[in-house]
Amino acid sequence: MQFIEFKKEHFIHDEKNGNYFLEIPKDEIGFREIKLQKKQDDHSLSEIDAEIIDNLNQIKIILETPENVRVNF
């Protein structure tokens, strides 16, 4: 399994919906199922509640607040 880590700064604030999102092109991660984890301050990983929208060309991850995350694929 491979992964990509994203910092809070990578998330874009959606003022209209009051949340934050990140879009990842399918070219970068392929067409496999993904698993999202929150990276804690002590560098451990925990589950995170997020909305994941899987479109044909990209994955969109939506969070209430920006977090440091790891996307496993």
Protein backbone atom coordinates (compact mmCIF):
# COMPACT_ATOMS: atom_id res chain seq x y z
CA MET A 1 0.00 0.00 0.00
CA GLN A 2 1.24 3.47 -0.87
CA PHE A 3 0.39 6.79 0.71
CA ILE A 4 0.62 10.56 0.30
CA GLU A 5 0.65 12.94 3.26
CA PHE A 6 -0.99 16.36 3.14
CA LYS A 7 -0.63 19.21 5.62
CA LYS A 8 -3.40 21.49 6.84
CA GLU A 9 -2.16 24.14 4.42
CA HIS A 10 -3.06 21.97 1.42
CA PHE A 11 -6.79 22.22 2.19
CA ILE A 12 -8.84 24.94 0.51
CA HIS A 13 -11.48 26.80 2.52
CA ASP A 14 -14.94 26.55 0.97
CA GLU A 15 -16.59 29.66 2.39
CA LYS A 16 -19.95 28.87 0.79
CA ASN A 17 -20.27 25.48 2.55
CA GLY A 18 -18.19 26.31 5.63
CA ASN A 19 -15.74 23.42 5.25
CA TYR A 20 -12.33 22.57 3.78
CA PHE A 21 -11.49 20.36 0.83
CA LEU A 22 -8.62 18.78 -1.04
CA GLU A 23 -8.72 17.34 -4.57
CA ILE A 24 -6.36 14.58 -5.68
CA PRO A 25 -6.16 13.62 -9.37
CA LYS A 26 -6.69 9.92 -10.06
CA ASP A 27 -3.48 10.05 -12.12
CA GLU A 28 -1.58 10.39 -8.81
CA ILE A 29 -3.27 7.62 -6.84
CA GLY A 30 -4.79 5.31 -9.42
CA PHE A 31 -8.26 3.84 -9.27
CA ARG A 32 -7.95 1.94 -6.00
CA GLU A 33 -9.98 2.47 -2.87
CA ILE A 34 -8.46 4.97 -0.45
CA LYS A 35 -8.24 5.13 3.34
CA LEU A 36 -7.86 8.44 5.14
CA GLN A 37 -6.08 8.87 8.48
CA LYS A 38 -5.36 11.89 10.66
CA LYS A 39 -1.73 12.47 11.60
CA GLN A 40 -1.48 13.31 15.32
CA ASP A 41 1.06 15.69 16.88
CA ASP A 42 3.08 12.68 18.12
CA HIS A 43 3.13 11.39 14.49
CA SER A 44 0.77 8.49 15.25
CA LEU A 45 -2.24 7.93 12.99
CA SER A 46 -5.91 7.81 13.90
CA GLU A 47 -9.21 7.48 12.09
CA ILE A 48 -10.81 10.67 10.83
CA ASP A 49 -14.37 11.48 9.87
CA ALA A 50 -14.38 12.91 6.35
CA GLU A 51 -16.58 12.97 3.30
CA ILE A 52 -14.85 11.37 0.33
CA ILE A 53 -16.24 11.96 -3.16
CA ASP A 54 -14.86 9.60 -5.77
CA ASN A 55 -15.31 11.09 -9.25
CA LEU A 56 -14.05 9.75 -12.55
CA ASN A 57 -10.95 11.98 -12.66
CA GLN A 58 -10.33 12.90 -9.02
CA ILE A 59 -10.94 12.22 -5.35
CA LYS A 60 -12.32 15.07 -3.25
CA ILE A 61 -11.81 14.96 0.52
CA ILE A 62 -14.02 17.25 2.60
CA LEU A 63 -13.34 18.06 6.28
CA GLU A 64 -14.96 20.42 8.78
CA THR A 65 -11.52 21.74 9.80
CA PRO A 66 -8.17 21.32 8.03
CA GLU A 67 -6.00 18.51 9.38
CA ASN A 68 -2.68 16.84 8.61
CA VAL A 69 -3.75 13.65 6.85
CA ARG A 70 -2.36 10.53 5.22
CA VAL A 71 -4.15 9.13 2.18
CA ASN A 72 -3.47 5.40 1.77
CA PHE A 73 -4.15 3.85 -1.62
